[in-house]
C-alpha atoms as a PDB file:
ATOM      1  CA  VAL A   1      97.259 144.474 121.430  1.00  0.00           C
ATOM      2  CA  ARG A   2     100.360 144.730 123.611  1.00  0.00           C
ATOM      3  CA  VAL A   3      98.967 147.728 125.465  1.00  0.00           C
ATOM      4  CA  ALA A   4      95.534 146.148 125.973  1.00  0.00           C
ATOM      5  CA  LEU A   5      97.038 142.933 127.282  1.00  0.00           C
ATOM      6  CA  GLN A   6      99.437 144.669 129.652  1.00  0.00           C
ATOM      7  CA  ASP A   7      96.705 147.052 130.821  1.00  0.00           C
ATOM      8  CA  ALA A   8      94.314 144.179 131.555  1.00  0.00           C
ATOM      9  CA  HIS A   9      97.046 142.395 133.513  1.00  0.00           C
ATOM     10  CA  GLU A  10      97.890 145.517 135.520  1.00  0.00           C
ATOM     11  CA  GLN A  11      94.228 146.126 136.333  1.00  0.00           C
ATOM     12  CA  THR A  12      93.802 142.531 137.445  1.00  0.00           C
ATOM     13  CA  SER A  13      96.985 142.577 139.518  1.00  0.00           C
ATOM     14  CA  GLY A  14      95.965 145.807 141.233  1.00  0.00           C
ATOM     15  CA  ALA A  15      92.325 144.883 141.715  1.00  0.00           C
ATOM     16  CA  LYS A  16      90.555 145.005 145.032  1.00  0.00           C
ATOM     17  CA  PRO A  17      89.050 141.665 146.098  1.00  0.00           C
ATOM     18  CA  ASP A  18      85.536 142.712 145.039  1.00  0.00           C
ATOM     19  CA  ASP A  19      86.766 143.380 141.477  1.00  0.00           C
ATOM     20  CA  TYR A  20      89.360 140.644 141.095  1.00  0.00           C
ATOM     21  CA  ARG A  21      87.272 137.844 139.596  1.00  0.00           C
ATOM     22  CA  ARG A  22      85.588 140.149 137.081  1.00  0.00           C
ATOM     23  CA  LEU A  23      88.925 141.548 135.928  1.00  0.00           C
ATOM     24  CA  ASP A  24      90.512 138.093 135.937  1.00  0.00           C
ATOM     25  CA  SER A  25      87.723 136.856 133.667  1.00  0.00           C
ATOM     26  CA  ARG A  26      88.220 139.848 131.396  1.00  0.00           C
ATOM     27  CA  LEU A  27      91.943 139.060 131.132  1.00  0.00           C
ATOM     28  CA  HIS A  28      91.248 135.442 130.198  1.00  0.00           C
ATOM     29  CA  LEU A  29      88.706 136.525 127.595  1.00  0.00           C
ATOM     30  CA  LEU A  30      91.156 139.008 126.110  1.00  0.00           C
ATOM     31  CA  ILE A  31      93.755 136.262 125.775  1.00  0.00           C
ATOM     32  CA  ALA A  32      91.163 134.107 124.005  1.00  0.00           C
ATOM     33  CA  GLU A  33      90.207 137.006 121.741  1.00  0.00           C
ATOM     34  CA  LEU A  34      93.833 137.408 120.684  1.00  0.00           C
ATOM     35  CA  THR A  35      93.696 133.943 119.117  1.00  0.00           C
ATOM     36  CA  GLY A  36      90.997 135.077 116.698  1.00  0.00           C
ATOM     37  CA  SER A  37      89.086 131.839 117.292  1.00  0.00           C
ATOM     38  CA  GLU A  38      85.376 132.459 117.832  1.00  0.00           C
ATOM     39  CA  LYS A  39      84.988 128.916 119.159  1.00  0.00           C
ATOM     40  CA  LEU A  40      87.741 129.433 121.739  1.00  0.00           C
ATOM     41  CA  ILE A  41      86.276 132.774 122.806  1.00  0.00           C
ATOM     42  CA  ALA A  42      82.869 131.151 123.327  1.00  0.00           C
ATOM     43  CA  GLU A  43      84.398 128.230 125.238  1.00  0.00           C
ATOM     44  CA  VAL A  44      86.446 130.507 127.483  1.00  0.00           C
ATOM     45  CA  ALA A  45      83.396 132.695 128.186  1.00  0.00           C
ATOM     46  CA  TYR A  46      81.340 129.631 129.110  1.00  0.00           C
ATOM     47  CA  SER A  47      84.154 128.106 131.185  1.00  0.00           C
ATOM     48  CA  ARG A  48      84.779 131.356 133.065  1.00  0.00           C
ATOM     49  CA  MET A  49      81.096 131.600 133.926  1.00  0.00           C
ATOM     50  CA  ARG A  50      81.145 128.052 135.319  1.00  0.00           C
ATOM     51  CA  VAL A  51      84.483 128.491 137.119  1.00  0.00           C
ATOM     52  CA  ASN A  52      83.348 131.761 138.674  1.00  0.00           C
ATOM     53  CA  GLU A  53      80.279 129.993 140.067  1.00  0.00           C
ATOM     54  CA  LEU A  54      82.651 127.582 141.820  1.00  0.00           C
ATOM     55  CA  LEU A  55      85.141 130.257 142.866  1.00  0.00           C
ATOM     56  CA  ASP A  56      82.340 132.252 144.485  1.00  0.00           C
ATOM     57  CA  ASN A  57      82.094 129.427 147.033  1.00  0.00           C
ATOM     58  CA  ILE A  58      85.662 129.733 148.283  1.00  0.00           C
ATOM     59  CA  PRO A  59      87.551 132.563 149.966  1.00  0.00           C
ATOM     60  CA  LEU A  60      89.639 134.934 147.882  1.00  0.00           C
ATOM     61  CA  LEU A  61      92.971 134.652 149.702  1.00  0.00           C
ATOM     62  CA  PRO A  62      95.873 137.064 149.089  1.00  0.00           C
ATOM     63  CA  PRO A  63      98.473 134.283 148.519  1.00  0.00           C
ATOM     64  CA  ASN A  64      96.233 132.696 145.882  1.00  0.00           C
ATOM     65  CA  ILE A  65      95.745 136.048 144.144  1.00  0.00           C
ATOM     66  CA  ALA A  66      99.497 136.698 144.169  1.00  0.00           C
ATOM     67  CA  HIS A  67     100.196 133.272 142.698  1.00  0.00           C
ATOM     68  CA  SER A  68      97.559 133.744 140.023  1.00  0.00           C
ATOM     69  CA  ASN A  69      99.018 137.122 139.104  1.00  0.00           C
ATOM     70  CA  GLU A  70     102.500 135.587 138.819  1.00  0.00           C
ATOM     71  CA  GLN A  71     101.098 132.953 136.485  1.00  0.00           C
ATOM     72  CA  HIS A  72      99.329 135.631 134.439  1.00  0.00           C
ATOM     73  CA  GLU A  73     102.661 137.430 134.090  1.00  0.00           C
ATOM     74  CA  LYS A  74     104.282 134.292 132.654  1.00  0.00           C
ATOM     75  CA  ILE A  75     101.419 133.795 130.207  1.00  0.00           C
ATOM     76  CA  ILE A  76     101.443 137.401 129.041  1.00  0.00           C
ATOM     77  CA  THR A  77     105.224 137.536 128.733  1.00  0.00           C
ATOM     78  CA  ALA A  78     105.188 134.434 126.539  1.00  0.00           C
ATOM     79  CA  ILE A  79     102.413 135.852 124.356  1.00  0.00           C
ATOM     80  CA  LEU A  80     104.174 139.179 123.934  1.00  0.00           C
ATOM     81  CA  LYS A  81     107.459 137.436 123.082  1.00  0.00           C
ATOM     82  CA  GLY A  82     105.643 135.415 120.423  1.00  0.00           C
ATOM     83  CA  ASN A  83     106.355 132.111 122.160  1.00  0.00           C
ATOM     84  CA  PRO A  84     103.179 130.019 121.834  1.00  0.00           C
ATOM     85  CA  LEU A  85     104.664 126.914 123.459  1.00  0.00           C
ATOM     86  CA  ALA A  86     105.681 128.843 126.573  1.00  0.00           C
ATOM     87  CA  ALA A  87     102.269 130.557 126.647  1.00  0.00           C
ATOM     88  CA  GLN A  88     100.530 127.200 126.339  1.00  0.00           C
ATOM     89  CA  SER A  89     102.652 125.680 129.103  1.00  0.00           C
ATOM     90  CA  ALA A  90     102.102 128.661 131.416  1.00  0.00           C
ATOM     91  CA  MET A  91      98.344 128.597 130.773  1.00  0.00           C
ATOM     92  CA  ARG A  92      98.197 124.859 131.478  1.00  0.00           C
ATOM     93  CA  ASP A  93     100.015 125.419 134.769  1.00  0.00           C
ATOM     94  CA  HIS A  94      97.602 128.233 135.618  1.00  0.00           C
ATOM     95  CA  LEU A  95      94.527 126.133 134.860  1.00  0.00           C
ATOM     96  CA  ALA A  96      95.938 123.162 136.770  1.00  0.00           C
ATOM     97  CA  GLY A  97      96.548 125.441 139.756  1.00  0.00           C
ATOM     98  CA  SER A  98      92.985 126.722 139.618  1.00  0.00           C
ATOM     99  CA  ALA A  99      91.666 123.163 139.422  1.00  0.00           C
ATOM    100  CA  ALA A 100      93.772 122.123 142.411  1.00  0.00           C
ATOM    101  CA  LEU A 101      92.548 125.119 144.390  1.00  0.00           C
ATOM    102  CA  LEU A 102      88.925 124.248 143.674  1.00  0.00           C
ATOM    103  CA  ARG A 103      89.471 120.580 144.528  1.00  0.00           C
ATOM    104  CA  GLY A 104      91.162 121.582 147.772  1.00  0.00           C
ATOM    105  CA  PHE A 105      88.254 123.728 148.900  1.00  0.00           C
ATOM    106  CA  LEU A 106      85.294 121.955 147.334  1.00  0.00           C
ATOM    107  CA  GLY A 107      86.508 118.355 147.368  1.00  0.00           C
END
């Protein structure tokens, strides 16, 4: 699990723009899979599909990618340290940042 999570993060962080959203979605799905909740996995898969439809309408800017990768690092570190509250807080910040980005570009 540790290796898969770190590998997915490294692939996402090092992704070229054309691959970033696919690998980002894969990372989010892997995090959901680690919970063991089929309902959460299904909800994350559905949400990622919807979010990606929105994200496809805005530019993929290097500062945004860097910030997202920093947030992923916080989430993954908390998961690997076995700190669910820190992971939850970091994921909430990440999702709030994504929502703000979409609102900023799409109104």
